[in-house]
Amino acid sequence: MPNTSSAIRRVRRVVKQTAVNRLRKSKYRAAIKKMEDLIKVGEKEKIKNFFPDFQSILMKTAKTGTINKKTASRKISKISKKIKK
């Protein structure tokens, strides 16, 4: 339990940040799953249309610090290699 007023404010702030980060991570994971499903099915047109959005979602998540920038780049690279096959 926080004892000082600044600690109380910090707890409130952390709760809000946690909620925002959960939403961002959820969106990030959903984008990865959607892209992998499209690759499994092999719908090239949908993959081509969704890939820029996929990159955008991952880089926005990395930009805000929810995930590491290098993690986002690695995921994008891995998916683009799968697409090329």
PDB file of N, CA and C in Angstrom:
ATOM      1  N   MET A   1       0.840  -1.181   0.000  1.00  0.00           N
ATOM      2  CA  MET A   1       0.000   0.000   0.000  1.00  0.00           C
ATOM      3  C   MET A   1       0.888   1.250   0.000  1.00  0.00           C
ATOM      4  N   PRO A   2       0.630   2.179  -0.924  1.00  0.00           N
ATOM      5  CA  PRO A   2       1.470   3.375  -0.984  1.00  0.00           C
ATOM      6  C   PRO A   2       1.231   4.291   0.231  1.00  0.00           C
ATOM      7  N   ASN A   3       2.306   4.882   0.711  1.00  0.00           N
ATOM      8  CA  ASN A   3       2.215   5.740   1.898  1.00  0.00           C
ATOM      9  C   ASN A   3       2.211   7.217   1.577  1.00  0.00           C
ATOM     10  N   THR A   4       2.920   7.627   0.548  1.00  0.00           N
ATOM     11  CA  THR A   4       2.999   9.049   0.216  1.00  0.00           C
ATOM     12  C   THR A   4       2.016   9.396  -0.886  1.00  0.00           C
ATOM     13  N   SER A   5       1.729  10.692  -0.987  1.00  0.00           N
ATOM     14  CA  SER A   5       0.778  11.135  -2.011  1.00  0.00           C
ATOM     15  C   SER A   5       1.324  10.894  -3.410  1.00  0.00           C
ATOM     16  N   SER A   6       2.629  11.065  -3.598  1.00  0.00           N
ATOM     17  CA  SER A   6       3.221  10.828  -4.927  1.00  0.00           C
ATOM     18  C   SER A   6       3.150   9.351  -5.298  1.00  0.00           C
ATOM     19  N   ALA A   7       3.294   8.476  -4.306  1.00  0.00           N
ATOM     20  CA  ALA A   7       3.185   7.037  -4.566  1.00  0.00           C
ATOM     21  C   ALA A   7       1.760   6.657  -4.939  1.00  0.00           C
ATOM     22  N   ILE A   8       0.799   7.296  -4.319  1.00  0.00           N
ATOM     23  CA  ILE A   8      -0.616   7.047  -4.639  1.00  0.00           C
ATOM     24  C   ILE A   8      -0.897   7.457  -6.084  1.00  0.00           C
ATOM     25  N   ARG A   9      -0.396   8.632  -6.475  1.00  0.00           N
ATOM     26  CA  ARG A   9      -0.585   9.094  -7.856  1.00  0.00           C
ATOM     27  C   ARG A   9       0.113   8.156  -8.839  1.00  0.00           C
ATOM     28  N   ARG A  10       1.281   7.697  -8.455  1.00  0.00           N
ATOM     29  CA  ARG A  10       2.037   6.794  -9.320  1.00  0.00           C
ATOM     30  C   ARG A  10       1.295   5.475  -9.531  1.00  0.00           C
ATOM     31  N   VAL A  11       0.638   4.976  -8.510  1.00  0.00           N
ATOM     32  CA  VAL A  11      -0.147   3.741  -8.635  1.00  0.00           C
ATOM     33  C   VAL A  11      -1.279   3.937  -9.630  1.00  0.00           C
ATOM     34  N   ARG A  12      -1.961   5.080  -9.529  1.00  0.00           N
ATOM     35  CA  ARG A  12      -3.047   5.360 -10.480  1.00  0.00           C
ATOM     36  C   ARG A  12      -2.512   5.410 -11.901  1.00  0.00           C
ATOM     37  N   ARG A  13      -1.357   6.035 -12.074  1.00  0.00           N
ATOM     38  CA  ARG A  13      -0.751   6.169 -13.400  1.00  0.00           C
ATOM     39  C   ARG A  13      -0.350   4.806 -13.969  1.00  0.00           C
ATOM     40  N   VAL A  14       0.224   3.960 -13.127  1.00  0.00           N
ATOM     41  CA  VAL A  14       0.655   2.635 -13.569  1.00  0.00           C
ATOM     42  C   VAL A  14      -0.544   1.793 -14.009  1.00  0.00           C
ATOM     43  N   VAL A  15      -1.655   1.915 -13.297  1.00  0.00           N
ATOM     44  CA  VAL A  15      -2.863   1.166 -13.663  1.00  0.00           C
ATOM     45  C   VAL A  15      -3.330   1.580 -15.057  1.00  0.00           C
ATOM     46  N   LYS A  16      -3.327   2.877 -15.336  1.00  0.00           N
ATOM     47  CA  LYS A  16      -3.733   3.366 -16.659  1.00  0.00           C
ATOM     48  C   LYS A  16      -2.763   2.894 -17.744  1.00  0.00           C
ATOM     49  N   GLN A  17      -1.464   2.986 -17.455  1.00  0.00           N
ATOM     50  CA  GLN A  17      -0.464   2.559 -18.429  1.00  0.00           C
ATOM     51  C   GLN A  17      -0.560   1.070 -18.723  1.00  0.00           C
ATOM     52  N   THR A  18      -0.827   0.282 -17.701  1.00  0.00           N
ATOM     53  CA  THR A  18      -0.961  -1.161 -17.875  1.00  0.00           C
ATOM     54  C   THR A  18      -2.129  -1.483 -18.795  1.00  0.00           C
ATOM     55  N   ALA A  19      -3.259  -0.772 -18.603  1.00  0.00           N
ATOM     56  CA  ALA A  19      -4.429  -1.001 -19.454  1.00  0.00           C
ATOM     57  C   ALA A  19      -4.118  -0.667 -20.912  1.00  0.00           C
ATOM     58  N   VAL A  20      -3.435   0.437 -21.130  1.00  0.00           N
ATOM     59  CA  VAL A  20      -3.092   0.852 -22.493  1.00  0.00           C
ATOM     60  C   VAL A  20      -2.139  -0.156 -23.131  1.00  0.00           C
ATOM     61  N   ASN A  21      -1.133  -0.585 -22.361  1.00  0.00           N
ATOM     62  CA  ASN A  21      -0.167  -1.548 -22.894  1.00  0.00           C
ATOM     63  C   ASN A  21      -0.824  -2.882 -23.218  1.00  0.00           C
ATOM     64  N   ARG A  22      -1.790  -3.298 -22.403  1.00  0.00           N
ATOM     65  CA  ARG A  22      -2.507  -4.547 -22.692  1.00  0.00           C
ATOM     66  C   ARG A  22      -3.244  -4.450 -24.015  1.00  0.00           C
ATOM     67  N   LEU A  23      -3.893  -3.318 -24.261  1.00  0.00           N
ATOM     68  CA  LEU A  23      -4.601  -3.123 -25.526  1.00  0.00           C
ATOM     69  C   LEU A  23      -3.634  -3.161 -26.707  1.00  0.00           C
ATOM     70  N   ARG A  24      -2.501  -2.493 -26.553  1.00  0.00           N
ATOM     71  CA  ARG A  24      -1.519  -2.470 -27.638  1.00  0.00           C
ATOM     72  C   ARG A  24      -0.956  -3.857 -27.912  1.00  0.00           C
ATOM     73  N   LYS A  25      -0.647  -4.594 -26.857  1.00  0.00           N
ATOM     74  CA  LYS A  25      -0.107  -5.947 -27.042  1.00  0.00           C
ATOM     75  C   LYS A  25      -1.148  -6.873 -27.658  1.00  0.00           C
ATOM     76  N   SER A  26      -2.395  -6.691 -27.267  1.00  0.00           N
ATOM     77  CA  SER A  26      -3.466  -7.507 -27.824  1.00  0.00           C
ATOM     78  C   SER A  26      -3.596  -7.263 -29.327  1.00  0.00           C
ATOM     79  N   LYS A  27      -3.551  -5.996 -29.716  1.00  0.00           N
ATOM     80  CA  LYS A  27      -3.638  -5.642 -31.126  1.00  0.00           C
ATOM     81  C   LYS A  27      -2.435  -6.202 -31.897  1.00  0.00           C
ATOM     82  N   TYR A  28      -1.270  -6.141 -31.274  1.00  0.00           N
ATOM     83  CA  TYR A  28      -0.027  -6.652 -31.859  1.00  0.00           C
ATOM     84  C   TYR A  28      -0.112  -8.160 -32.082  1.00  0.00           C
ATOM     85  N   ARG A  29      -0.572  -8.881 -31.071  1.00  0.00           N
ATOM     86  CA  ARG A  29      -0.689 -10.339 -31.188  1.00  0.00           C
ATOM     87  C   ARG A  29      -1.744 -10.728 -32.218  1.00  0.00           C
ATOM     88  N   ALA A  30      -2.850  -9.991 -32.250  1.00  0.00           N
ATOM     89  CA  ALA A  30      -3.915 -10.276 -33.218  1.00  0.00           C
ATOM     90  C   ALA A  30      -3.411 -10.081 -34.644  1.00  0.00           C
ATOM     91  N   ALA A  31      -2.604  -9.040 -34.855  1.00  0.00           N
ATOM     92  CA  ALA A  31      -2.061  -8.779 -36.192  1.00  0.00           C
ATOM     93  C   ALA A  31      -1.143  -9.914 -36.636  1.00  0.00           C
ATOM     94  N   ILE A  32      -0.320 -10.411 -35.718  1.00  0.00           N
ATOM     95  CA  ILE A  32       0.580 -11.515 -36.046  1.00  0.00           C
ATOM     96  C   ILE A  32      -0.216 -12.766 -36.391  1.00  0.00           C
ATOM     97  N   LYS A  33      -1.227 -13.069 -35.584  1.00  0.00           N
ATOM     98  CA  LYS A  33      -2.052 -14.258 -35.843  1.00  0.00           C
ATOM     99  C   LYS A  33      -2.769 -14.147 -37.181  1.00  0.00           C
ATOM    100  N   LYS A  34      -3.321 -12.958 -37.466  1.00  0.00           N
ATOM    101  CA  LYS A  34      -4.041 -12.763 -38.721  1.00  0.00           C
ATOM    102  C   LYS A  34      -3.104 -12.959 -39.911  1.00  0.00           C
ATOM    103  N   MET A  35      -1.894 -12.408 -39.803  1.00  0.00           N
ATOM    104  CA  MET A  35      -0.934 -12.529 -40.899  1.00  0.00           C
ATOM    105  C   MET A  35      -0.524 -13.981 -41.100  1.00  0.00           C
ATOM    106  N   GLU A  36      -0.267 -14.703 -40.017  1.00  0.00           N
ATOM    107  CA  GLU A  36       0.115 -16.109 -40.138  1.00  0.00           C
ATOM    108  C   GLU A  36      -1.023 -16.951 -40.704  1.00  0.00           C
ATOM    109  N   ASP A  37      -2.262 -16.632 -40.339  1.00  0.00           N
ATOM    110  CA  ASP A  37      -3.408 -17.347 -40.903  1.00  0.00           C
ATOM    111  C   ASP A  37      -3.530 -17.092 -42.402  1.00  0.00           C
ATOM    112  N   LEU A  38      -3.327 -15.837 -42.808  1.00  0.00           N
ATOM    113  CA  LEU A  38      -3.383 -15.517 -44.236  1.00  0.00           C
ATOM    114  C   LEU A  38      -2.291 -16.256 -45.004  1.00  0.00           C
ATOM    115  N   ILE A  39      -1.123 -16.384 -44.400  1.00  0.00           N
ATOM    116  CA  ILE A  39      -0.017 -17.100 -45.056  1.00  0.00           C
ATOM    117  C   ILE A  39      -0.352 -18.586 -45.187  1.00  0.00           C
ATOM    118  N   LYS A  40      -0.945 -19.173 -44.141  1.00  0.00           N
ATOM    119  CA  LYS A  40      -1.324 -20.591 -44.187  1.00  0.00           C
ATOM    120  C   LYS A  40      -2.335 -20.850 -45.286  1.00  0.00           C
ATOM    121  N   VAL A  41      -3.327 -19.968 -45.382  1.00  0.00           N
ATOM    122  CA  VAL A  41      -4.370 -20.134 -46.401  1.00  0.00           C
ATOM    123  C   VAL A  41      -3.798 -19.849 -47.788  1.00  0.00           C
ATOM    124  N   GLY A  42      -2.869 -18.895 -47.865  1.00  0.00           N
ATOM    125  CA  GLY A  42      -2.217 -18.590 -49.129  1.00  0.00           C
ATOM    126  C   GLY A  42      -2.942 -17.572 -49.986  1.00  0.00           C
ATOM    127  N   GLU A  43      -3.665 -16.665 -49.349  1.00  0.00           N
ATOM    128  CA  GLU A  43      -4.385 -15.629 -50.090  1.00  0.00           C
ATOM    129  C   GLU A  43      -3.441 -14.458 -50.353  1.00  0.00           C
ATOM    130  N   LYS A  44      -2.815 -14.466 -51.511  1.00  0.00           N
ATOM    131  CA  LYS A  44      -1.760 -13.506 -51.822  1.00  0.00           C
ATOM    132  C   LYS A  44      -2.262 -12.065 -51.865  1.00  0.00           C
ATOM    133  N   GLU A  45      -3.448 -11.876 -52.395  1.00  0.00           N
ATOM    134  CA  GLU A  45      -3.982 -10.513 -52.515  1.00  0.00           C
ATOM    135  C   GLU A  45      -4.247  -9.902 -51.139  1.00  0.00           C
ATOM    136  N   LYS A  46      -4.833 -10.690 -50.242  1.00  0.00           N
ATOM    137  CA  LYS A  46      -5.108 -10.195 -48.892  1.00  0.00           C
ATOM    138  C   LYS A  46      -3.808  -9.950 -48.118  1.00  0.00           C
ATOM    139  N   ILE A  47      -2.826 -10.823 -48.342  1.00  0.00           N
ATOM    140  CA  ILE A  47      -1.523 -10.652 -47.688  1.00  0.00           C
ATOM    141  C   ILE A  47      -0.891  -9.338 -48.140  1.00  0.00           C
ATOM    142  N   LYS A  48      -0.938  -9.099 -49.439  1.00  0.00           N
ATOM    143  CA  LYS A  48      -0.345  -7.885 -50.000  1.00  0.00           C
ATOM    144  C   LYS A  48      -1.031  -6.629 -49.450  1.00  0.00           C
ATOM    145  N   ASN A  49      -2.339  -6.703 -49.252  1.00  0.00           N
ATOM    146  CA  ASN A  49      -3.076  -5.557 -48.726  1.00  0.00           C
ATOM    147  C   ASN A  49      -2.856  -5.346 -47.234  1.00  0.00           C
ATOM    148  N   PHE A  50      -2.715  -6.435 -46.491  1.00  0.00           N
ATOM    149  CA  PHE A  50      -2.616  -6.331 -45.028  1.00  0.00           C
ATOM    150  C   PHE A  50      -1.191  -6.077 -44.538  1.00  0.00           C
ATOM    151  N   PHE A  51      -0.178  -6.425 -45.325  1.00  0.00           N
ATOM    152  CA  PHE A  51       1.199  -6.321 -44.861  1.00  0.00           C
ATOM    153  C   PHE A  51       1.601  -4.910 -44.422  1.00  0.00           C
ATOM    154  N   PRO A  52       1.262  -3.842 -45.160  1.00  0.00           N
ATOM    155  CA  PRO A  52       1.614  -2.491 -44.682  1.00  0.00           C
ATOM    156  C   PRO A  52       0.942  -2.153 -43.344  1.00  0.00           C
ATOM    157  N   ASP A  53      -0.300  -2.581 -43.164  1.00  0.00           N
ATOM    158  CA  ASP A  53      -0.984  -2.354 -41.894  1.00  0.00           C
ATOM    159  C   ASP A  53      -0.312  -3.146 -40.770  1.00  0.00           C
ATOM    160  N   PHE A  54       0.087  -4.362 -41.094  1.00  0.00           N
ATOM    161  CA  PHE A  54       0.782  -5.221 -40.137  1.00  0.00           C
ATOM    162  C   PHE A  54       2.073  -4.554 -39.665  1.00  0.00           C
ATOM    163  N   GLN A  55       2.862  -4.044 -40.600  1.00  0.00           N
ATOM    164  CA  GLN A  55       4.102  -3.358 -40.249  1.00  0.00           C
ATOM    165  C   GLN A  55       3.817  -2.130 -39.386  1.00  0.00           C
ATOM    166  N   SER A  56       2.803  -1.397 -39.741  1.00  0.00           N
ATOM    167  CA  SER A  56       2.446  -0.186 -39.012  1.00  0.00           C
ATOM    168  C   SER A  56       2.069  -0.502 -37.569  1.00  0.00           C
ATOM    169  N   ILE A  57       1.270  -1.521 -37.377  1.00  0.00           N
ATOM    170  CA  ILE A  57       0.846  -1.913 -36.027  1.00  0.00           C
ATOM    171  C   ILE A  57       2.060  -2.293 -35.184  1.00  0.00           C
ATOM    172  N   LEU A  58       2.944  -3.096 -35.738  1.00  0.00           N
ATOM    173  CA  LEU A  58       4.120  -3.528 -34.988  1.00  0.00           C
ATOM    174  C   LEU A  58       5.047  -2.361 -34.654  1.00  0.00           C
ATOM    175  N   MET A  59       5.289  -1.481 -35.605  1.00  0.00           N
ATOM    176  CA  MET A  59       6.200  -0.370 -35.348  1.00  0.00           C
ATOM    177  C   MET A  59       5.601   0.657 -34.389  1.00  0.00           C
ATOM    178  N   LYS A  60       4.297   0.866 -34.444  1.00  0.00           N
ATOM    179  CA  LYS A  60       3.651   1.766 -33.480  1.00  0.00           C
ATOM    180  C   LYS A  60       3.763   1.204 -32.071  1.00  0.00           C
ATOM    181  N   THR A  61       3.578  -0.101 -31.952  1.00  0.00           N
ATOM    182  CA  THR A  61       3.699  -0.746 -30.649  1.00  0.00           C
ATOM    183  C   THR A  61       5.126  -0.611 -30.123  1.00  0.00           C
ATOM    184  N   ALA A  62       6.093  -0.739 -31.003  1.00  0.00           N
ATOM    185  CA  ALA A  62       7.497  -0.611 -30.608  1.00  0.00           C
ATOM    186  C   ALA A  62       7.844   0.839 -30.273  1.00  0.00           C
ATOM    187  N   LYS A  63       7.286   1.760 -31.027  1.00  0.00           N
ATOM    188  CA  LYS A  63       7.572   3.178 -30.818  1.00  0.00           C
ATOM    189  C   LYS A  63       7.128   3.639 -29.436  1.00  0.00           C
ATOM    190  N   THR A  64       6.024   3.114 -28.968  1.00  0.00           N
ATOM    191  CA  THR A  64       5.506   3.507 -27.656  1.00  0.00           C
ATOM    192  C   THR A  64       6.211   2.783 -26.516  1.00  0.00           C
ATOM    193  N   GLY A  65       7.039   1.787 -26.836  1.00  0.00           N
ATOM    194  CA  GLY A  65       7.803   1.104 -25.808  1.00  0.00           C
ATOM    195  C   GLY A  65       7.121  -0.115 -25.226  1.00  0.00           C
ATOM    196  N   THR A  66       5.991  -0.494 -25.766  1.00  0.00           N
ATOM    197  CA  THR A  66       5.299  -1.678 -25.264  1.00  0.00           C
ATOM    198  C   THR A  66       6.097  -2.940 -25.579  1.00  0.00           C
ATOM    199  N   ILE A  67       6.654  -2.977 -26.787  1.00  0.00           N
ATOM    200  CA  ILE A  67       7.582  -4.059 -27.135  1.00  0.00           C
ATOM    201  C   ILE A  67       8.878  -3.412 -27.599  1.00  0.00           C
ATOM    202  N   ASN A  68       9.931  -4.186 -27.647  1.00  0.00           N
ATOM    203  CA  ASN A  68      11.226  -3.674 -28.083  1.00  0.00           C
ATOM    204  C   ASN A  68      11.229  -3.452 -29.591  1.00  0.00           C
ATOM    205  N   LYS A  69      11.932  -2.418 -30.028  1.00  0.00           N
ATOM    206  CA  LYS A  69      12.012  -2.080 -31.449  1.00  0.00           C
ATOM    207  C   LYS A  69      12.615  -3.228 -32.262  1.00  0.00           C
ATOM    208  N   LYS A  70      13.625  -3.877 -31.702  1.00  0.00           N
ATOM    209  CA  LYS A  70      14.271  -4.980 -32.407  1.00  0.00           C
ATOM    210  C   LYS A  70      13.353  -6.195 -32.502  1.00  0.00           C
ATOM    211  N   THR A  71      12.499  -6.384 -31.508  1.00  0.00           N
ATOM    212  CA  THR A  71      11.529  -7.482 -31.552  1.00  0.00           C
ATOM    213  C   THR A  71      10.558  -7.267 -32.707  1.00  0.00           C
ATOM    214  N   ALA A  72      10.076  -6.039 -32.845  1.00  0.00           N
ATOM    215  CA  ALA A  72       9.150  -5.721 -33.933  1.00  0.00           C
ATOM    216  C   ALA A  72       9.823  -5.945 -35.287  1.00  0.00           C
ATOM    217  N   SER A  73      11.049  -5.489 -35.421  1.00  0.00           N
ATOM    218  CA  SER A  73      11.776  -5.671 -36.684  1.00  0.00           C
ATOM    219  C   SER A  73      11.984  -7.141 -36.994  1.00  0.00           C
ATOM    220  N   ARG A  74      12.309  -7.915 -35.971  1.00  0.00           N
ATOM    221  CA  ARG A  74      12.520  -9.349 -36.160  1.00  0.00           C
ATOM    222  C   ARG A  74      11.233 -10.035 -36.608  1.00  0.00           C
ATOM    223  N   LYS A  75      10.105  -9.668 -36.005  1.00  0.00           N
ATOM    224  CA  LYS A  75       8.815 -10.270 -36.385  1.00  0.00           C
ATOM    225  C   LYS A  75       8.460  -9.910 -37.831  1.00  0.00           C
ATOM    226  N   ILE A  76       8.673  -8.648 -38.204  1.00  0.00           N
ATOM    227  CA  ILE A  76       8.382  -8.210 -39.569  1.00  0.00           C
ATOM    228  C   ILE A  76       9.254  -8.974 -40.560  1.00  0.00           C
ATOM    229  N   SER A  77      10.529  -9.119 -40.234  1.00  0.00           N
ATOM    230  CA  SER A  77      11.455  -9.829 -41.109  1.00  0.00           C
ATOM    231  C   SER A  77      11.049 -11.291 -41.271  1.00  0.00           C
ATOM    232  N   LYS A  78      10.697 -11.915 -40.171  1.00  0.00           N
ATOM    233  CA  LYS A  78      10.300 -13.331 -40.189  1.00  0.00           C
ATOM    234  C   LYS A  78       9.056 -13.538 -41.058  1.00  0.00           C
ATOM    235  N   ILE A  79       8.074 -12.661 -40.899  1.00  0.00           N
ATOM    236  CA  ILE A  79       6.834 -12.773 -41.674  1.00  0.00           C
ATOM    237  C   ILE A  79       7.104 -12.500 -43.156  1.00  0.00           C
ATOM    238  N   SER A  80       7.939 -11.509 -43.454  1.00  0.00           N
ATOM    239  CA  SER A  80       8.214 -11.209 -44.867  1.00  0.00           C
ATOM    240  C   SER A  80       8.947 -12.358 -45.550  1.00  0.00           C
ATOM    241  N   LYS A  81       9.802 -13.066 -44.809  1.00  0.00           N
ATOM    242  CA  LYS A  81      10.458 -14.263 -45.371  1.00  0.00           C
ATOM    243  C   LYS A  81       9.436 -15.342 -45.673  1.00  0.00           C
ATOM    244  N   LYS A  82       8.452 -15.521 -44.790  1.00  0.00           N
ATOM    245  CA  LYS A  82       7.405 -16.508 -45.031  1.00  0.00           C
ATOM    246  C   LYS A  82       6.582 -16.142 -46.247  1.00  0.00           C
ATOM    247  N   ILE A  83       6.333 -14.859 -46.432  1.00  0.00           N
ATOM    248  CA  ILE A  83       5.546 -14.394 -47.574  1.00  0.00           C
ATOM    249  C   ILE A  83       6.282 -14.674 -48.887  1.00  0.00           C
ATOM    250  N   LYS A  84       7.580 -14.450 -48.894  1.00  0.00           N
ATOM    251  CA  LYS A  84       8.377 -14.655 -50.109  1.00  0.00           C
ATOM    252  C   LYS A  84       8.411 -16.106 -50.545  1.00  0.00           C
ATOM    253  N   LYS A  85       8.276 -17.031 -49.575  1.00  0.00           N
ATOM    254  CA  LYS A  85       8.256 -18.465 -49.912  1.00  0.00           C
ATOM    255  C   LYS A  85       6.945 -18.755 -50.555  1.00  0.00           C
TER     256      LYS A  85
END
